Every structure is written in C-alpha cells, then in structure tokens.
Amino acid sequence: RTYNVPEGRPFEKFLHRGKPIAHHLGTDFQLLATKVETWFKPTLK
C-alpha cells in the first residue's frame, strides 16, 4: 500500500504517465541485488 491511496481520491496514486514515480518495482516487494565488475585491461571490463 505504500504509494497507493484509498478509493476516495485515486488520482493521488504516486504514478506519472502510468509508471511509479519512485522504485520501478512499485510497492509490496523485497529486493536483494549485487554487482561485481572489474577491468581486465583499460579497454575490457
């Protein structure tokens, strides 16, 4: 229900042009992510 609103004022949903204004997954989620990167040489990652 974060970013959502009761039915009385549905235009107050935290959306713009059909997409969440905040995180792309919207509401009601858990996300664990990691990224590892390295340069093998100045032109190759």
ModelCIF file with pLDDT and N, C-alpha, C, O atoms, coordinates in Angstrom:
data_MODEL
#
_entry.id   MODEL 
#
_entity.id                         1 
_entity.type                       polymer 
_entity.pdbx_number_of_molecules   1 
#
_entity_poly.entity_id                      1 
_entity_poly.type                           'polypeptide(L)' 
_entity_poly.nstd_linkage                   no 
_entity_poly.nstd_monomer                   no 
_entity_poly.pdbx_seq_one_letter_code       RTYNVPEGRPFEKFLHRGKPIAHHLGTDFQLLATKVETWFKPTLK 
_entity_poly.pdbx_seq_one_letter_code_can   RTYNVPEGRPFEKFLHRGKPIAHHLGTDFQLLATKVETWFKPTLK 
_entity_poly.pdbx_strand_id                 A 
#
loop_
_entity_poly_seq.entity_id 
_entity_poly_seq.num 
_entity_poly_seq.mon_id 
_entity_poly_seq.hetero 
1 1  ARG n 
1 2  THR n 
1 3  TYR n 
1 4  ASN n 
1 5  VAL n 
1 6  PRO n 
1 7  GLU n 
1 8  GLY n 
1 9  ARG n 
1 10 PRO n 
1 11 PHE n 
1 12 GLU n 
1 13 LYS n 
1 14 PHE n 
1 15 LEU n 
1 16 HIS n 
1 17 ARG n 
1 18 GLY n 
1 19 LYS n 
1 20 PRO n 
1 21 ILE n 
1 22 ALA n 
1 23 HIS n 
1 24 HIS n 
1 25 LEU n 
1 26 GLY n 
1 27 THR n 
1 28 ASP n 
1 29 PHE n 
1 30 GLN n 
1 31 LEU n 
1 32 LEU n 
1 33 ALA n 
1 34 THR n 
1 35 LYS n 
1 36 VAL n 
1 37 GLU n 
1 38 THR n 
1 39 TRP n 
1 40 PHE n 
1 41 LYS n 
1 42 PRO n 
1 43 THR n 
1 44 LEU n 
1 45 LYS n 
#
_struct_asym.id          A 
_struct_asym.entity_id   1 
#
loop_
_ma_qa_metric.id 
_ma_qa_metric.mode 
_ma_qa_metric.name 
_ma_qa_metric.software_group_id 
_ma_qa_metric.type 
1 global pLDDT . pLDDT 
2 local  pLDDT . pLDDT 
#
_ma_qa_metric_global.metric_id      1 
_ma_qa_metric_global.metric_value   94.36 
_ma_qa_metric_global.model_id       1 
_ma_qa_metric_global.ordinal_id     1 
#
loop_
_ma_qa_metric_local.label_asym_id 
_ma_qa_metric_local.label_comp_id 
_ma_qa_metric_local.label_seq_id 
_ma_qa_metric_local.metric_id 
_ma_qa_metric_local.metric_value 
_ma_qa_metric_local.model_id 
_ma_qa_metric_local.ordinal_id 
A ARG 1  2 95.00 1 1  
A THR 2  2 96.00 1 2  
A TYR 3  2 97.00 1 3  
A ASN 4  2 96.00 1 4  
A VAL 5  2 94.00 1 5  
A PRO 6  2 90.00 1 6  
A GLU 7  2 87.00 1 7  
A GLY 8  2 87.00 1 8  
A ARG 9  2 91.00 1 9  
A PRO 10 2 94.00 1 10 
A PHE 11 2 96.00 1 11 
A GLU 12 2 96.00 1 12 
A LYS 13 2 97.00 1 13 
A PHE 14 2 97.00 1 14 
A LEU 15 2 97.00 1 15 
A HIS 16 2 96.00 1 16 
A ARG 17 2 91.00 1 17 
A GLY 18 2 91.00 1 18 
A LYS 19 2 93.00 1 19 
A PRO 20 2 97.00 1 20 
A ILE 21 2 97.00 1 21 
A ALA 22 2 97.00 1 22 
A HIS 23 2 97.00 1 23 
A HIS 24 2 96.00 1 24 
A LEU 25 2 97.00 1 25 
A GLY 26 2 96.00 1 26 
A THR 27 2 97.00 1 27 
A ASP 28 2 97.00 1 28 
A PHE 29 2 98.00 1 29 
A GLN 30 2 98.00 1 30 
A LEU 31 2 98.00 1 31 
A LEU 32 2 98.00 1 32 
A ALA 33 2 98.00 1 33 
A THR 34 2 98.00 1 34 
A LYS 35 2 98.00 1 35 
A VAL 36 2 97.00 1 36 
A GLU 37 2 96.00 1 37 
A THR 38 2 94.00 1 38 
A TRP 39 2 91.00 1 39 
A PHE 40 2 91.00 1 40 
A LYS 41 2 87.00 1 41 
A PRO 42 2 82.00 1 42 
A THR 43 2 85.00 1 43 
A LEU 44 2 92.00 1 44 
A LYS 45 2 93.00 1 45 
#
loop_
_atom_site.group_PDB 
_atom_site.id 
_atom_site.type_symbol 
_atom_site.label_atom_id 
_atom_site.label_alt_id 
_atom_site.label_comp_id 
_atom_site.label_asym_id 
_atom_site.label_entity_id 
_atom_site.label_seq_id 
_atom_site.pdbx_PDB_ins_code 
_atom_site.Cartn_x 
_atom_site.Cartn_y 
_atom_site.Cartn_z 
_atom_site.occupancy 
_atom_site.B_iso_or_equiv 
_atom_site.pdbx_formal_charge 
_atom_site.auth_seq_id 
_atom_site.auth_comp_id 
_atom_site.auth_asym_id 
_atom_site.auth_atom_id 
_atom_site.pdbx_PDB_model_num 
ATOM 1   N N  . ARG A 1 1  ? 0.803   -1.229 0.000   1.00 95.00 ? 1  ARG A N  1 
ATOM 2   C CA . ARG A 1 1  ? 0.000   0.000  0.000   1.00 95.00 ? 1  ARG A CA 1 
ATOM 3   C C  . ARG A 1 1  ? 0.830   1.271  0.000   1.00 95.00 ? 1  ARG A C  1 
ATOM 4   O O  . ARG A 1 1  ? 0.272   2.358  -0.151  1.00 95.00 ? 1  ARG A O  1 
ATOM 5   N N  . THR A 1 2  ? 2.162   1.175  0.166   1.00 96.00 ? 2  THR A N  1 
ATOM 6   C CA . THR A 1 2  ? 2.993   2.371  0.034   1.00 96.00 ? 2  THR A CA 1 
ATOM 7   C C  . THR A 1 2  ? 2.838   2.929  -1.374  1.00 96.00 ? 2  THR A C  1 
ATOM 8   O O  . THR A 1 2  ? 2.842   2.174  -2.347  1.00 96.00 ? 2  THR A O  1 
ATOM 9   N N  . TYR A 1 3  ? 2.703   4.228  -1.485  1.00 97.00 ? 3  TYR A N  1 
ATOM 10  C CA . TYR A 1 3  ? 2.477   4.967  -2.737  1.00 97.00 ? 3  TYR A CA 1 
ATOM 11  C C  . TYR A 1 3  ? 1.034   4.851  -3.239  1.00 97.00 ? 3  TYR A C  1 
ATOM 12  O O  . TYR A 1 3  ? 0.668   5.539  -4.191  1.00 97.00 ? 3  TYR A O  1 
ATOM 13  N N  . ASN A 1 4  ? 0.218   4.011  -2.634  1.00 96.00 ? 4  ASN A N  1 
ATOM 14  C CA . ASN A 1 4  ? -1.174  3.860  -3.045  1.00 96.00 ? 4  ASN A CA 1 
ATOM 15  C C  . ASN A 1 4  ? -2.062  4.689  -2.119  1.00 96.00 ? 4  ASN A C  1 
ATOM 16  O O  . ASN A 1 4  ? -1.604  5.169  -1.082  1.00 96.00 ? 4  ASN A O  1 
ATOM 17  N N  . VAL A 1 5  ? -3.327  4.855  -2.489  1.00 94.00 ? 5  VAL A N  1 
ATOM 18  C CA . VAL A 1 5  ? -4.260  5.657  -1.693  1.00 94.00 ? 5  VAL A CA 1 
ATOM 19  C C  . VAL A 1 5  ? -5.627  4.984  -1.692  1.00 94.00 ? 5  VAL A C  1 
ATOM 20  O O  . VAL A 1 5  ? -5.927  4.199  -2.591  1.00 94.00 ? 5  VAL A O  1 
ATOM 21  N N  . PRO A 1 6  ? -6.473  5.283  -0.680  1.00 90.00 ? 6  PRO A N  1 
ATOM 22  C CA . PRO A 1 6  ? -7.835  4.753  -0.662  1.00 90.00 ? 6  PRO A CA 1 
ATOM 23  C C  . PRO A 1 6  ? -8.635  5.201  -1.883  1.00 90.00 ? 6  PRO A C  1 
ATOM 24  O O  . PRO A 1 6  ? -8.240  6.120  -2.601  1.00 90.00 ? 6  PRO A O  1 
ATOM 25  N N  . GLU A 1 7  ? -9.756  4.540  -2.098  1.00 87.00 ? 7  GLU A N  1 
ATOM 26  C CA . GLU A 1 7  ? -10.523 4.734  -3.326  1.00 87.00 ? 7  GLU A CA 1 
ATOM 27  C C  . GLU A 1 7  ? -11.113 6.134  -3.460  1.00 87.00 ? 7  GLU A C  1 
ATOM 28  O O  . GLU A 1 7  ? -11.466 6.541  -4.567  1.00 87.00 ? 7  GLU A O  1 
ATOM 29  N N  . GLY A 1 8  ? -11.230 6.884  -2.357  1.00 87.00 ? 8  GLY A N  1 
ATOM 30  C CA . GLY A 1 8  ? -11.881 8.193  -2.432  1.00 87.00 ? 8  GLY A CA 1 
ATOM 31  C C  . GLY A 1 8  ? -11.158 9.180  -3.332  1.00 87.00 ? 8  GLY A C  1 
ATOM 32  O O  . GLY A 1 8  ? -11.799 10.009 -3.978  1.00 87.00 ? 8  GLY A O  1 
ATOM 33  N N  . ARG A 1 9  ? -9.820  9.104  -3.385  1.00 91.00 ? 9  ARG A N  1 
ATOM 34  C CA . ARG A 1 9  ? -9.038  10.034 -4.203  1.00 91.00 ? 9  ARG A CA 1 
ATOM 35  C C  . ARG A 1 9  ? -7.996  9.244  -4.995  1.00 91.00 ? 9  ARG A C  1 
ATOM 36  O O  . ARG A 1 9  ? -6.803  9.371  -4.722  1.00 91.00 ? 9  ARG A O  1 
ATOM 37  N N  . PRO A 1 10 ? -8.413  8.437  -5.961  1.00 94.00 ? 10 PRO A N  1 
ATOM 38  C CA . PRO A 1 10 ? -7.469  7.563  -6.670  1.00 94.00 ? 10 PRO A CA 1 
ATOM 39  C C  . PRO A 1 10 ? -6.440  8.321  -7.501  1.00 94.00 ? 10 PRO A C  1 
ATOM 40  O O  . PRO A 1 10 ? -5.412  7.755  -7.871  1.00 94.00 ? 10 PRO A O  1 
ATOM 41  N N  . PHE A 1 11 ? -6.703  9.599  -7.802  1.00 96.00 ? 11 PHE A N  1 
ATOM 42  C CA . PHE A 1 11 ? -5.759  10.379 -8.600  1.00 96.00 ? 11 PHE A CA 1 
ATOM 43  C C  . PHE A 1 11 ? -4.504  10.748 -7.813  1.00 96.00 ? 11 PHE A C  1 
ATOM 44  O O  . PHE A 1 11 ? -3.566  11.307 -8.381  1.00 96.00 ? 11 PHE A O  1 
ATOM 45  N N  . GLU A 1 12 ? -4.472  10.442 -6.505  1.00 96.00 ? 12 GLU A N  1 
ATOM 46  C CA . GLU A 1 12 ? -3.300  10.742 -5.694  1.00 96.00 ? 12 GLU A CA 1 
ATOM 47  C C  . GLU A 1 12 ? -2.288  9.593  -5.659  1.00 96.00 ? 12 GLU A C  1 
ATOM 48  O O  . GLU A 1 12 ? -1.321  9.648  -4.899  1.00 96.00 ? 12 GLU A O  1 
ATOM 49  N N  . LYS A 1 13 ? -2.498  8.566  -6.465  1.00 97.00 ? 13 LYS A N  1 
ATOM 50  C CA . LYS A 1 13 ? -1.514  7.483  -6.550  1.00 97.00 ? 13 LYS A CA 1 
ATOM 51  C C  . LYS A 1 13 ? -0.180  8.036  -7.037  1.00 97.00 ? 13 LYS A C  1 
ATOM 52  O O  . LYS A 1 13 ? -0.141  8.930  -7.883  1.00 97.00 ? 13 LYS A O  1 
ATOM 53  N N  . PHE A 1 14 ? 0.919   7.494  -6.493  1.00 97.00 ? 14 PHE A N  1 
ATOM 54  C CA . PHE A 1 14 ? 2.262   8.002  -6.787  1.00 97.00 ? 14 PHE A CA 1 
ATOM 55  C C  . PHE A 1 14 ? 2.738   7.478  -8.138  1.00 97.00 ? 14 PHE A C  1 
ATOM 56  O O  . PHE A 1 14 ? 3.683   6.694  -8.224  1.00 97.00 ? 14 PHE A O  1 
ATOM 57  N N  . LEU A 1 15 ? 2.058   7.934  -9.192  1.00 97.00 ? 15 LEU A N  1 
ATOM 58  C CA . LEU A 1 15 ? 2.319   7.497  -10.559 1.00 97.00 ? 15 LEU A CA 1 
ATOM 59  C C  . LEU A 1 15 ? 2.428   8.715  -11.466 1.00 97.00 ? 15 LEU A C  1 
ATOM 60  O O  . LEU A 1 15 ? 1.853   9.768  -11.193 1.00 97.00 ? 15 LEU A O  1 
ATOM 61  N N  . HIS A 1 16 ? 3.176   8.548  -12.548 1.00 96.00 ? 16 HIS A N  1 
ATOM 62  C CA . HIS A 1 16 ? 3.251   9.562  -13.587 1.00 96.00 ? 16 HIS A CA 1 
ATOM 63  C C  . HIS A 1 16 ? 3.353   8.860  -14.938 1.00 96.00 ? 16 HIS A C  1 
ATOM 64  O O  . HIS A 1 16 ? 4.276   8.084  -15.187 1.00 96.00 ? 16 HIS A O  1 
ATOM 65  N N  . ARG A 1 17 ? 2.403   9.146  -15.784 1.00 91.00 ? 17 ARG A N  1 
ATOM 66  C CA . ARG A 1 17 ? 2.335   8.523  -17.109 1.00 91.00 ? 17 ARG A CA 1 
ATOM 67  C C  . ARG A 1 17 ? 2.365   6.997  -17.036 1.00 91.00 ? 17 ARG A C  1 
ATOM 68  O O  . ARG A 1 17 ? 3.012   6.324  -17.838 1.00 91.00 ? 17 ARG A O  1 
ATOM 69  N N  . GLY A 1 18 ? 1.643   6.480  -16.048 1.00 91.00 ? 18 GLY A N  1 
ATOM 70  C CA . GLY A 1 18 ? 1.471   5.038  -15.923 1.00 91.00 ? 18 GLY A CA 1 
ATOM 71  C C  . GLY A 1 18 ? 2.587   4.314  -15.200 1.00 91.00 ? 18 GLY A C  1 
ATOM 72  O O  . GLY A 1 18 ? 2.505   3.098  -15.025 1.00 91.00 ? 18 GLY A O  1 
ATOM 73  N N  . LYS A 1 19 ? 3.635   5.017  -14.769 1.00 93.00 ? 19 LYS A N  1 
ATOM 74  C CA . LYS A 1 19 ? 4.767   4.354  -14.121 1.00 93.00 ? 19 LYS A CA 1 
ATOM 75  C C  . LYS A 1 19 ? 4.981   4.920  -12.723 1.00 93.00 ? 19 LYS A C  1 
ATOM 76  O O  . LYS A 1 19 ? 4.661   6.081  -12.464 1.00 93.00 ? 19 LYS A O  1 
ATOM 77  N N  . PRO A 1 20 ? 5.535   4.085  -11.802 1.00 97.00 ? 20 PRO A N  1 
ATOM 78  C CA . PRO A 1 20 ? 5.832   4.588  -10.468 1.00 97.00 ? 20 PRO A CA 1 
ATOM 79  C C  . PRO A 1 20 ? 6.822   5.750  -10.514 1.00 97.00 ? 20 PRO A C  1 
ATOM 80  O O  . PRO A 1 20 ? 7.801   5.715  -11.260 1.00 97.00 ? 20 PRO A O  1 
ATOM 81  N N  . ILE A 1 21 ? 6.560   6.764  -9.718  1.00 97.00 ? 21 ILE A N  1 
ATOM 82  C CA . ILE A 1 21 ? 7.490   7.892  -9.608  1.00 97.00 ? 21 ILE A CA 1 
ATOM 83  C C  . ILE A 1 21 ? 8.735   7.464  -8.843  1.00 97.00 ? 21 ILE A C  1 
ATOM 84  O O  . ILE A 1 21 ? 9.821   7.999  -9.065  1.00 97.00 ? 21 ILE A O  1 
ATOM 85  N N  . ALA A 1 22 ? 8.575   6.501  -7.946  1.00 97.00 ? 22 ALA A N  1 
ATOM 86  C CA . ALA A 1 22 ? 9.699   6.022  -7.149  1.00 97.00 ? 22 ALA A CA 1 
ATOM 87  C C  . ALA A 1 22 ? 10.292  4.753  -7.783  1.00 97.00 ? 22 ALA A C  1 
ATOM 88  O O  . ALA A 1 22 ? 10.554  4.734  -8.986  1.00 97.00 ? 22 ALA A O  1 
ATOM 89  N N  . HIS A 1 23 ? 10.503  3.705  -6.996  1.00 97.00 ? 23 HIS A N  1 
ATOM 90  C CA . HIS A 1 23 ? 11.172  2.496  -7.462  1.00 97.00 ? 23 HIS A CA 1 
ATOM 91  C C  . HIS A 1 23 ? 10.371  1.814  -8.572  1.00 97.00 ? 23 HIS A C  1 
ATOM 92  O O  . HIS A 1 23 ? 9.140   1.814  -8.547  1.00 97.00 ? 23 HIS A O  1 
ATOM 93  N N  . HIS A 1 24 ? 11.079  1.234  -9.548  1.00 96.00 ? 24 HIS A N  1 
ATOM 94  C CA . HIS A 1 24 ? 10.398  0.646  -10.702 1.00 96.00 ? 24 HIS A CA 1 
ATOM 95  C C  . HIS A 1 24 ? 9.551   -0.569 -10.340 1.00 96.00 ? 24 HIS A C  1 
ATOM 96  O O  . HIS A 1 24 ? 8.633   -0.916 -11.083 1.00 96.00 ? 24 HIS A O  1 
ATOM 97  N N  . LEU A 1 25 ? 9.841   -1.234 -9.195  1.00 97.00 ? 25 LEU A N  1 
ATOM 98  C CA . LEU A 1 25 ? 9.030   -2.374 -8.772  1.00 97.00 ? 25 LEU A CA 1 
ATOM 99  C C  . LEU A 1 25 ? 7.752   -1.954 -8.070  1.00 97.00 ? 25 LEU A C  1 
ATOM 100 O O  . LEU A 1 25 ? 6.928   -2.800 -7.724  1.00 97.00 ? 25 LEU A O  1 
ATOM 101 N N  . GLY A 1 26 ? 7.577   -0.661 -7.856  1.00 96.00 ? 26 GLY A N  1 
ATOM 102 C CA . GLY A 1 26 ? 6.327   -0.175 -7.291  1.00 96.00 ? 26 GLY A CA 1 
ATOM 103 C C  . GLY A 1 26 ? 6.249   -0.381 -5.793  1.00 96.00 ? 26 GLY A C  1 
ATOM 104 O O  . GLY A 1 26 ? 7.035   0.189  -5.036  1.00 96.00 ? 26 GLY A O  1 
ATOM 105 N N  . THR A 1 27 ? 5.292   -1.203 -5.366  1.00 97.00 ? 27 THR A N  1 
ATOM 106 C CA . THR A 1 27 ? 5.053   -1.417 -3.949  1.00 97.00 ? 27 THR A CA 1 
ATOM 107 C C  . THR A 1 27 ? 5.010   -2.907 -3.634  1.00 97.00 ? 27 THR A C  1 
ATOM 108 O O  . THR A 1 27 ? 4.921   -3.740 -4.536  1.00 97.00 ? 27 THR A O  1 
ATOM 109 N N  . ASP A 1 28 ? 5.073   -3.236 -2.335  1.00 97.00 ? 28 ASP A N  1 
ATOM 110 C CA . ASP A 1 28 ? 4.922   -4.616 -1.857  1.00 97.00 ? 28 ASP A CA 1 
ATOM 111 C C  . ASP A 1 28 ? 5.999   -5.546 -2.426  1.00 97.00 ? 28 ASP A C  1 
ATOM 112 O O  . ASP A 1 28 ? 5.682   -6.490 -3.150  1.00 97.00 ? 28 ASP A O  1 
ATOM 113 N N  . PHE A 1 29 ? 7.268   -5.283 -2.101  1.00 98.00 ? 29 PHE A N  1 
ATOM 114 C CA . PHE A 1 29 ? 8.339   -6.145 -2.614  1.00 98.00 ? 29 PHE A CA 1 
ATOM 115 C C  . PHE A 1 29 ? 9.550   -6.102 -1.695  1.00 98.00 ? 29 PHE A C  1 
ATOM 116 O O  . PHE A 1 29 ? 9.698   -5.192 -0.879  1.00 98.00 ? 29 PHE A O  1 
ATOM 117 N N  . GLN A 1 30 ? 10.408  -7.099 -1.841  1.00 98.00 ? 30 GLN A N  1 
ATOM 118 C CA . GLN A 1 30 ? 11.742  -7.145 -1.270  1.00 98.00 ? 30 GLN A CA 1 
ATOM 119 C C  . GLN A 1 30 ? 12.717  -7.456 -2.397  1.00 98.00 ? 30 GLN A C  1 
ATOM 120 O O  . GLN A 1 30 ? 12.423  -8.275 -3.269  1.00 98.00 ? 30 GLN A O  1 
ATOM 121 N N  . LEU A 1 31 ? 13.860  -6.814 -2.381  1.00 98.00 ? 31 LEU A N  1 
ATOM 122 C CA . LEU A 1 31 ? 14.832  -6.984 -3.457  1.00 98.00 ? 31 LEU A CA 1 
ATOM 123 C C  . LEU A 1 31 ? 16.238  -6.994 -2.873  1.00 98.00 ? 31 LEU A C  1 
ATOM 124 O O  . LEU A 1 31 ? 16.624  -6.080 -2.144  1.00 98.00 ? 31 LEU A O  1 
ATOM 125 N N  . LEU A 1 32 ? 16.996  -8.033 -3.198  1.00 98.00 ? 32 LEU A N  1 
ATOM 126 C CA . LEU A 1 32 ? 18.410  -8.133 -2.842  1.00 98.00 ? 32 LEU A CA 1 
ATOM 127 C C  . LEU A 1 32 ? 19.200  -8.218 -4.136  1.00 98.00 ? 32 LEU A C  1 
ATOM 128 O O  . LEU A 1 32 ? 18.961  -9.100 -4.961  1.00 98.00 ? 32 LEU A O  1 
ATOM 129 N N  . ALA A 1 33 ? 20.135  -7.307 -4.312  1.00 98.00 ? 33 ALA A N  1 
ATOM 130 C CA . ALA A 1 33 ? 20.886  -7.257 -5.566  1.00 98.00 ? 33 ALA A CA 1 
ATOM 131 C C  . ALA A 1 33 ? 22.349  -6.946 -5.289  1.00 98.00 ? 33 ALA A C  1 
ATOM 132 O O  . ALA A 1 33 ? 22.690  -6.286 -4.308  1.00 98.00 ? 33 ALA A O  1 
ATOM 133 N N  . THR A 1 34 ? 23.201  -7.437 -6.175  1.00 98.00 ? 34 THR A N  1 
ATOM 134 C CA . THR A 1 34 ? 24.628  -7.149 -6.086  1.00 98.00 ? 34 THR A CA 1 
ATOM 135 C C  . THR A 1 34 ? 25.233  -7.093 -7.479  1.00 98.00 ? 34 THR A C  1 
ATOM 136 O O  . THR A 1 34 ? 24.735  -7.721 -8.413  1.00 98.00 ? 34 THR A O  1 
ATOM 137 N N  . LYS A 1 35 ? 26.289  -6.350 -7.602  1.00 98.00 ? 35 LYS A N  1 
ATOM 138 C CA . LYS A 1 35 ? 27.008  -6.274 -8.872  1.00 98.00 ? 35 LYS A CA 1 
ATOM 139 C C  . LYS A 1 35 ? 28.499  -6.227 -8.592  1.00 98.00 ? 35 LYS A C  1 
ATOM 140 O O  . LYS A 1 35 ? 28.958  -5.461 -7.745  1.00 98.00 ? 35 LYS A O  1 
ATOM 141 N N  . VAL A 1 36 ? 29.248  -7.049 -9.304  1.00 97.00 ? 36 VAL A N  1 
ATOM 142 C CA . VAL A 1 36 ? 30.702  -7.095 -9.206  1.00 97.00 ? 36 VAL A CA 1 
ATOM 143 C C  . VAL A 1 36 ? 31.257  -6.865 -10.609 1.00 97.00 ? 36 VAL A C  1 
ATOM 144 O O  . VAL A 1 36 ? 30.845  -7.531 -11.558 1.00 97.00 ? 36 VAL A O  1 
ATOM 145 N N  . GLU A 1 37 ? 32.180  -5.934 -10.738 1.00 96.00 ? 37 GLU A N  1 
ATOM 146 C CA . GLU A 1 37 ? 32.781  -5.674 -12.047 1.00 96.00 ? 37 GLU A CA 1 
ATOM 147 C C  . GLU A 1 37 ? 34.258  -5.359 -11.877 1.00 96.00 ? 37 GLU A C  1 
ATOM 148 O O  . GLU A 1 37 ? 34.688  -4.849 -10.843 1.00 96.00 ? 37 GLU A O  1 
ATOM 149 N N  . THR A 1 38 ? 35.017  -5.670 -12.906 1.00 94.00 ? 38 THR A N  1 
ATOM 150 C CA . THR A 1 38 ? 36.453  -5.429 -12.861 1.00 94.00 ? 38 THR A CA 1 
ATOM 151 C C  . THR A 1 38 ? 36.968  -5.119 -14.257 1.00 94.00 ? 38 THR A C  1 
ATOM 152 O O  . THR A 1 38 ? 36.417  -5.571 -15.261 1.00 94.00 ? 38 THR A O  1 
ATOM 153 N N  . TRP A 1 39 ? 38.032  -4.341 -14.291 1.00 91.00 ? 39 TRP A N  1 
ATOM 154 C CA . TRP A 1 39 ? 38.712  -4.032 -15.542 1.00 91.00 ? 39 TRP A CA 1 
ATOM 155 C C  . TRP A 1 39 ? 39.861  -5.016 -15.732 1.00 91.00 ? 39 TRP A C  1 
ATOM 156 O O  . TRP A 1 39 ? 40.785  -5.063 -14.920 1.00 91.00 ? 39 TRP A O  1 
ATOM 157 N N  . PHE A 1 40 ? 39.802  -5.792 -16.796 1.00 91.00 ? 40 PHE A N  1 
ATOM 158 C CA . PHE A 1 40 ? 40.895  -6.708 -17.120 1.00 91.00 ? 40 PHE A CA 1 
ATOM 159 C C  . PHE A 1 40 ? 42.054  -5.966 -17.778 1.00 91.00 ? 40 PHE A C  1 
ATOM 160 O O  . PHE A 1 40 ? 43.223  -6.308 -17.597 1.00 91.00 ? 40 PHE A O  1 
ATOM 161 N N  . LYS A 1 41 ? 41.690  -4.935 -18.549 1.00 87.00 ? 41 LYS A N  1 
ATOM 162 C CA . LYS A 1 41 ? 42.656  -4.010 -19.121 1.00 87.00 ? 41 LYS A CA 1 
ATOM 163 C C  . LYS A 1 41 ? 41.903  -2.726 -19.456 1.00 87.00 ? 41 LYS A C  1 
ATOM 164 O O  . LYS A 1 41 ? 40.674  -2.714 -19.380 1.00 87.00 ? 41 LYS A O  1 
ATOM 165 N N  . PRO A 1 42 ? 42.590  -1.645 -19.822 1.00 82.00 ? 42 PRO A N  1 
ATOM 166 C CA . PRO A 1 42 ? 41.902  -0.361 -19.988 1.00 82.00 ? 42 PRO A CA 1 
ATOM 167 C C  . PRO A 1 42 ? 40.756  -0.363 -20.995 1.00 82.00 ? 42 PRO A C  1 
ATOM 168 O O  . PRO A 1 42 ? 39.937  0.556  -20.984 1.00 82.00 ? 42 PRO A O  1 
ATOM 169 N N  . THR A 1 43 ? 40.676  -1.367 -21.862 1.00 85.00 ? 43 THR A N  1 
ATOM 170 C CA . THR A 1 43 ? 39.610  -1.399 -22.857 1.00 85.00 ? 43 THR A CA 1 
ATOM 171 C C  . THR A 1 43 ? 38.664  -2.585 -22.685 1.00 85.00 ? 43 THR A C  1 
ATOM 172 O O  . THR A 1 43 ? 37.826  -2.834 -23.551 1.00 85.00 ? 43 THR A O  1 
ATOM 173 N N  . LEU A 1 44 ? 38.788  -3.320 -21.577 1.00 92.00 ? 44 LEU A N  1 
ATOM 174 C CA . LEU A 1 44 ? 37.957  -4.509 -21.388 1.00 92.00 ? 44 LEU A CA 1 
ATOM 175 C C  . LEU A 1 44 ? 37.491  -4.619 -19.943 1.00 92.00 ? 44 LEU A C  1 
ATOM 176 O O  . LEU A 1 44 ? 38.304  -4.726 -19.025 1.00 92.00 ? 44 LEU A O  1 
ATOM 177 N N  . LYS A 1 45 ? 36.176  -4.592 -19.749 1.00 93.00 ? 45 LYS A N  1 
ATOM 178 C CA . LYS A 1 45 ? 35.583  -4.706 -18.427 1.00 93.00 ? 45 LYS A CA 1 
ATOM 179 C C  . LYS A 1 45 ? 34.583  -5.855 -18.410 1.00 93.00 ? 45 LYS A C  1 
ATOM 180 O O  . LYS A 1 45 ? 33.966  -6.121 -17.378 1.00 93.00 ? 45 LYS A O  1 
#
